[in-house]
PDB file of N, CA and C in Angstrom:
ATOM      1  N   UNK A   1       6.551 -12.974  34.363  1.00  0.00           N
ATOM      2  CA  UNK A   1       6.987 -12.286  33.533  1.00  0.00           C
ATOM      3  C   UNK A   1       6.855 -11.251  32.365  1.00  0.00           C
ATOM      4  N   UNK A   2       7.126  -9.946  32.056  1.00  0.00           N
ATOM      5  CA  UNK A   2       6.258  -9.924  30.674  1.00  0.00           C
ATOM      6  C   UNK A   2       7.689  -9.722  30.100  1.00  0.00           C
ATOM      7  N   UNK A   3       7.212  -9.748  28.665  1.00  0.00           N
ATOM      8  CA  UNK A   3       8.546 -10.096  27.499  1.00  0.00           C
ATOM      9  C   UNK A   3       8.573  -8.669  27.336  1.00  0.00           C
ATOM     10  N   UNK A   4       9.920  -8.365  27.176  1.00  0.00           N
ATOM     11  CA  UNK A   4      10.365  -7.081  26.346  1.00  0.00           C
ATOM     12  C   UNK A   4      10.443  -6.898  24.811  1.00  0.00           C
ATOM     13  N   UNK A   5      10.102  -5.928  24.387  1.00  0.00           N
ATOM     14  CA  UNK A   5      10.055  -5.753  22.745  1.00  0.00           C
ATOM     15  C   UNK A   5      10.669  -4.448  22.563  1.00  0.00           C
ATOM     16  N   UNK A   6      11.929  -4.966  21.994  1.00  0.00           N
ATOM     17  CA  UNK A   6      13.101  -3.738  21.532  1.00  0.00           C
ATOM     18  C   UNK A   6      12.494  -2.728  20.608  1.00  0.00           C
ATOM     19  N   UNK A   7      11.267  -2.874  19.478  1.00  0.00           N
ATOM     20  CA  UNK A   7      10.558  -1.962  19.212  1.00  0.00           C
ATOM     21  C   UNK A   7       9.027  -1.993  19.007  1.00  0.00           C
ATOM     22  N   UNK A   8       8.713  -0.930  19.028  1.00  0.00           N
ATOM     23  CA  UNK A   8       7.119  -1.054  18.975  1.00  0.00           C
ATOM     24  C   UNK A   8       6.816   0.040  17.868  1.00  0.00           C
ATOM     25  N   UNK A   9       5.975  -0.620  16.636  1.00  0.00           N
ATOM     26  CA  UNK A   9       5.220   0.317  15.831  1.00  0.00           C
ATOM     27  C   UNK A   9       3.883   0.787  16.230  1.00  0.00           C
ATOM     28  N   UNK A  10       3.298   2.195  16.027  1.00  0.00           N
ATOM     29  CA  UNK A  10       2.124   2.362  16.521  1.00  0.00           C
ATOM     30  C   UNK A  10       1.798   3.061  15.148  1.00  0.00           C
ATOM     31  N   UNK A  11       0.690   2.415  14.348  1.00  0.00           N
ATOM     32  CA  UNK A  11      -0.240   3.479  13.238  1.00  0.00           C
ATOM     33  C   UNK A  11      -1.654   3.665  14.275  1.00  0.00           C
ATOM     34  N   UNK A  12      -1.264   5.236  13.434  1.00  0.00           N
ATOM     35  CA  UNK A  12      -2.353   6.141  14.083  1.00  0.00           C
ATOM     36  C   UNK A  12      -3.285   7.145  12.915  1.00  0.00           C
ATOM     37  N   UNK A  13      -4.819   6.842  13.463  1.00  0.00           N
ATOM     38  CA  UNK A  13      -5.483   7.527  12.428  1.00  0.00           C
ATOM     39  C   UNK A  13      -6.862   8.401  13.292  1.00  0.00           C
ATOM     40  N   UNK A  14      -7.586   8.997  12.790  1.00  0.00           N
ATOM     41  CA  UNK A  14      -8.627   9.304  13.468  1.00  0.00           C
ATOM     42  C   UNK A  14      -9.655   8.766  14.749  1.00  0.00           C
ATOM     43  N   UNK A  15     -10.097   7.404  14.019  1.00  0.00           N
ATOM     44  CA  UNK A  15     -10.966   6.427  14.743  1.00  0.00           C
ATOM     45  C   UNK A  15     -10.299   5.425  15.031  1.00  0.00           C
ATOM     46  N   UNK A  16      -9.577   5.073  14.689  1.00  0.00           N
ATOM     47  CA  UNK A  16      -9.021   3.471  14.598  1.00  0.00           C
ATOM     48  C   UNK A  16     -10.070   2.299  14.262  1.00  0.00           C
ATOM     49  N   UNK A  17     -10.991   2.823  13.123  1.00  0.00           N
ATOM     50  CA  UNK A  17     -11.882   2.166  12.552  1.00  0.00           C
ATOM     51  C   UNK A  17     -11.485   1.171  11.577  1.00  0.00           C
ATOM     52  N   UNK A  18     -10.471   1.865  10.315  1.00  0.00           N
ATOM     53  CA  UNK A  18     -10.292   1.460   9.174  1.00  0.00           C
ATOM     54  C   UNK A  18      -8.619   1.651   8.891  1.00  0.00           C
ATOM     55  N   UNK A  19      -8.286   2.774   9.003  1.00  0.00           N
ATOM     56  CA  UNK A  19      -6.732   2.983   8.286  1.00  0.00           C
ATOM     57  C   UNK A  19      -5.664   2.403   9.101  1.00  0.00           C
ATOM     58  N   UNK A  20      -5.740   2.891  10.404  1.00  0.00           N
ATOM     59  CA  UNK A  20      -4.825   2.493  11.315  1.00  0.00           C
ATOM     60  C   UNK A  20      -4.546   0.935  11.507  1.00  0.00           C
ATOM     61  N   UNK A  21      -5.989   0.186  11.955  1.00  0.00           N
ATOM     62  CA  UNK A  21      -6.096  -1.274  11.883  1.00  0.00           C
ATOM     63  C   UNK A  21      -5.362  -2.155  10.631  1.00  0.00           C
ATOM     64  N   UNK A  22      -5.806  -1.567   9.696  1.00  0.00           N
ATOM     65  CA  UNK A  22      -5.492  -2.465   8.135  1.00  0.00           C
ATOM     66  C   UNK A  22      -3.818  -1.989   8.180  1.00  0.00           C
ATOM     67  N   UNK A  23      -3.306  -0.713   8.780  1.00  0.00           N
ATOM     68  CA  UNK A  23      -2.104  -0.773   8.444  1.00  0.00           C
ATOM     69  C   UNK A  23      -1.305  -1.386   9.245  1.00  0.00           C
ATOM     70  N   UNK A  24      -1.877  -1.227  10.432  1.00  0.00           N
ATOM     71  CA  UNK A  24      -1.424  -2.382  11.622  1.00  0.00           C
ATOM     72  C   UNK A  24      -1.232  -4.131  10.953  1.00  0.00           C
ATOM     73  N   UNK A  25      -2.070  -4.580  10.546  1.00  0.00           N
ATOM     74  CA  UNK A  25      -2.256  -5.848   9.978  1.00  0.00           C
ATOM     75  C   UNK A  25      -1.176  -5.898   8.769  1.00  0.00           C
ATOM     76  N   UNK A  26      -1.154  -5.000   7.914  1.00  0.00           N
ATOM     77  CA  UNK A  26      -0.301  -4.846   6.643  1.00  0.00           C
ATOM     78  C   UNK A  26       1.174  -5.064   7.213  1.00  0.00           C
ATOM     79  N   UNK A  27       1.617  -4.513   8.473  1.00  0.00           N
ATOM     80  CA  UNK A  27       2.566  -3.923   8.743  1.00  0.00           C
ATOM     81  C   UNK A  27       3.194  -5.418   9.454  1.00  0.00           C
ATOM     82  N   UNK A  28       2.490  -5.802  10.100  1.00  0.00           N
ATOM     83  CA  UNK A  28       2.732  -7.338  10.976  1.00  0.00           C
ATOM     84  C   UNK A  28       2.923  -8.221   9.546  1.00  0.00           C
ATOM     85  N   UNK A  29       2.171  -8.157   8.500  1.00  0.00           N
ATOM     86  CA  UNK A  29       2.583  -9.240   7.480  1.00  0.00           C
ATOM     87  C   UNK A  29       3.670  -9.290   7.076  1.00  0.00           C
ATOM     88  N   UNK A  30       4.227  -7.928   7.086  1.00  0.00           N
ATOM     89  CA  UNK A  30       5.217  -7.514   6.081  1.00  0.00           C
ATOM     90  C   UNK A  30       6.631  -8.025   7.364  1.00  0.00           C
ATOM     91  N   UNK A  31       6.124  -7.524   8.306  1.00  0.00           N
ATOM     92  CA  UNK A  31       7.754  -8.010   9.083  1.00  0.00           C
ATOM     93  C   UNK A  31       7.455  -9.710   9.045  1.00  0.00           C
ATOM     94  N   UNK A  32       6.710 -10.574   9.022  1.00  0.00           N
ATOM     95  CA  UNK A  32       6.514 -11.820   9.439  1.00  0.00           C
ATOM     96  C   UNK A  32       7.273 -12.643   8.126  1.00  0.00           C
ATOM     97  N   UNK A  33       6.974 -11.814   6.928  1.00  0.00           N
ATOM     98  CA  UNK A  33       7.533 -12.309   5.567  1.00  0.00           C
ATOM     99  C   UNK A  33       8.901 -11.865   5.534  1.00  0.00           C
ATOM    100  N   UNK A  34       9.234 -11.260   6.420  1.00  0.00           N
ATOM    101  CA  UNK A  34      10.849 -10.793   6.518  1.00  0.00           C
ATOM    102  C   UNK A  34      11.648 -11.789   7.527  1.00  0.00           C
ATOM    103  N   UNK A  35      10.941 -12.745   8.490  1.00  0.00           N
ATOM    104  CA  UNK A  35      11.540 -13.246   9.140  1.00  0.00           C
ATOM    105  C   UNK A  35      11.352 -12.634  10.652  1.00  0.00           C
ATOM    106  N   UNK A  36      10.892 -11.613  11.050  1.00  0.00           N
ATOM    107  CA  UNK A  36      10.542 -10.592  11.960  1.00  0.00           C
ATOM    108  C   UNK A  36       9.544 -10.797  12.876  1.00  0.00           C
ATOM    109  N   UNK A  37       9.680 -11.357  13.916  1.00  0.00           N
ATOM    110  CA  UNK A  37       8.644 -11.734  14.613  1.00  0.00           C
ATOM    111  C   UNK A  37       7.988 -10.642  15.647  1.00  0.00           C
ATOM    112  N   UNK A  38       7.458 -11.295  16.459  1.00  0.00           N
ATOM    113  CA  UNK A  38       6.471 -10.131  17.395  1.00  0.00           C
ATOM    114  C   UNK A  38       7.625 -10.233  18.573  1.00  0.00           C
ATOM    115  N   UNK A  39       8.476 -10.719  18.345  1.00  0.00           N
ATOM    116  CA  UNK A  39       9.175 -11.075  19.880  1.00  0.00           C
ATOM    117  C   UNK A  39      10.342  -9.540  19.395  1.00  0.00           C
ATOM    118  N   UNK A  40      10.373  -9.402  17.996  1.00  0.00           N
ATOM    119  CA  UNK A  40      11.517  -8.439  18.027  1.00  0.00           C
ATOM    120  C   UNK A  40      11.227  -6.687  17.554  1.00  0.00           C
ATOM    121  N   UNK A  41       9.676  -7.335  17.078  1.00  0.00           N
ATOM    122  CA  UNK A  41       8.677  -5.759  16.934  1.00  0.00           C
ATOM    123  C   UNK A  41       7.283  -5.718  17.226  1.00  0.00           C
ATOM    124  N   UNK A  42       6.786  -4.826  17.741  1.00  0.00           N
ATOM    125  CA  UNK A  42       5.291  -5.082  18.293  1.00  0.00           C
ATOM    126  C   UNK A  42       4.906  -4.063  17.449  1.00  0.00           C
ATOM    127  N   UNK A  43       3.727  -4.342  16.575  1.00  0.00           N
ATOM    128  CA  UNK A  43       2.725  -3.463  15.975  1.00  0.00           C
ATOM    129  C   UNK A  43       1.562  -3.205  16.827  1.00  0.00           C
ATOM    130  N   UNK A  44       1.078  -2.130  16.877  1.00  0.00           N
ATOM    131  CA  UNK A  44      -0.007  -1.637  17.579  1.00  0.00           C
ATOM    132  C   UNK A  44      -1.064  -0.526  16.680  1.00  0.00           C
ATOM    133  N   UNK A  45      -2.536  -0.568  16.870  1.00  0.00           N
ATOM    134  CA  UNK A  45      -2.935   0.839  16.059  1.00  0.00           C
ATOM    135  C   UNK A  45      -3.818   1.491  17.293  1.00  0.00           C
ATOM    136  N   UNK A  46      -4.098   2.570  16.698  1.00  0.00           N
ATOM    137  CA  UNK A  46      -4.638   3.596  17.774  1.00  0.00           C
ATOM    138  C   UNK A  46      -5.374   4.722  17.063  1.00  0.00           C
ATOM    139  N   UNK A  47      -6.637   5.357  17.919  1.00  0.00           N
ATOM    140  CA  UNK A  47      -7.089   6.421  16.798  1.00  0.00           C
ATOM    141  C   UNK A  47      -6.951   7.571  18.404  1.00  0.00           C
ATOM    142  N   UNK A  48      -7.049   8.828  17.553  1.00  0.00           N
ATOM    143  CA  UNK A  48      -6.975   9.827  18.559  1.00  0.00           C
ATOM    144  C   UNK A  48      -8.404  10.489  19.174  1.00  0.00           C
ATOM    145  N   UNK A  49      -9.510  10.044  18.408  1.00  0.00           N
ATOM    146  CA  UNK A  49     -10.938  10.740  18.923  1.00  0.00           C
ATOM    147  C   UNK A  49     -11.756   9.582  19.151  1.00  0.00           C
ATOM    148  N   UNK A  50     -13.040   9.495  19.368  1.00  0.00           N
ATOM    149  CA  UNK A  50     -14.136   8.681  19.393  1.00  0.00           C
ATOM    150  C   UNK A  50     -15.361   9.363  18.650  1.00  0.00           C
ATOM    151  N   UNK A  51     -15.158  10.248  18.237  1.00  0.00           N
ATOM    152  CA  UNK A  51     -16.182  11.106  17.589  1.00  0.00           C
ATOM    153  C   UNK A  51     -17.331  10.352  16.604  1.00  0.00           C
ATOM    154  N   UNK A  52     -16.362   9.174  15.650  1.00  0.00           N
ATOM    155  CA  UNK A  52     -17.606   8.233  14.971  1.00  0.00           C
ATOM    156  C   UNK A  52     -17.828   7.204  15.691  1.00  0.00           C
ATOM    157  N   UNK A  53     -17.205   7.120  16.826  1.00  0.00           N
ATOM    158  CA  UNK A  53     -17.819   5.880  17.340  1.00  0.00           C
ATOM    159  C   UNK A  53     -19.268   5.724  17.721  1.00  0.00           C
ATOM    160  N   UNK A  54     -19.639   4.390  16.698  1.00  0.00           N
ATOM    161  CA  UNK A  54     -21.354   4.200  17.093  1.00  0.00           C
ATOM    162  C   UNK A  54     -21.806   5.116  15.914  1.00  0.00           C
ATOM    163  N   UNK A  55     -21.326   5.768  15.151  1.00  0.00           N
ATOM    164  CA  UNK A  55     -22.208   6.543  14.043  1.00  0.00           C
ATOM    165  C   UNK A  55     -21.866   5.964  12.632  1.00  0.00           C
ATOM    166  N   UNK A  56     -22.140   4.760  12.131  1.00  0.00           N
ATOM    167  CA  UNK A  56     -21.919   4.387  10.667  1.00  0.00           C
ATOM    168  C   UNK A  56     -21.969   5.268   9.447  1.00  0.00           C
TER     169      UNK A  56
END
């Protein structure tokens, strides 16, 4: 059985390399510090392009 999450927060940037993953970590920490666990809010990150993939 899969667990249902009442809310999902998706952080999005261009390549999902720096900004959105960092925002995801910060948001998770902020929710956790307020006693809001992943059973209530799921935080994810994503990118809209793969243009920078493999090009440091």
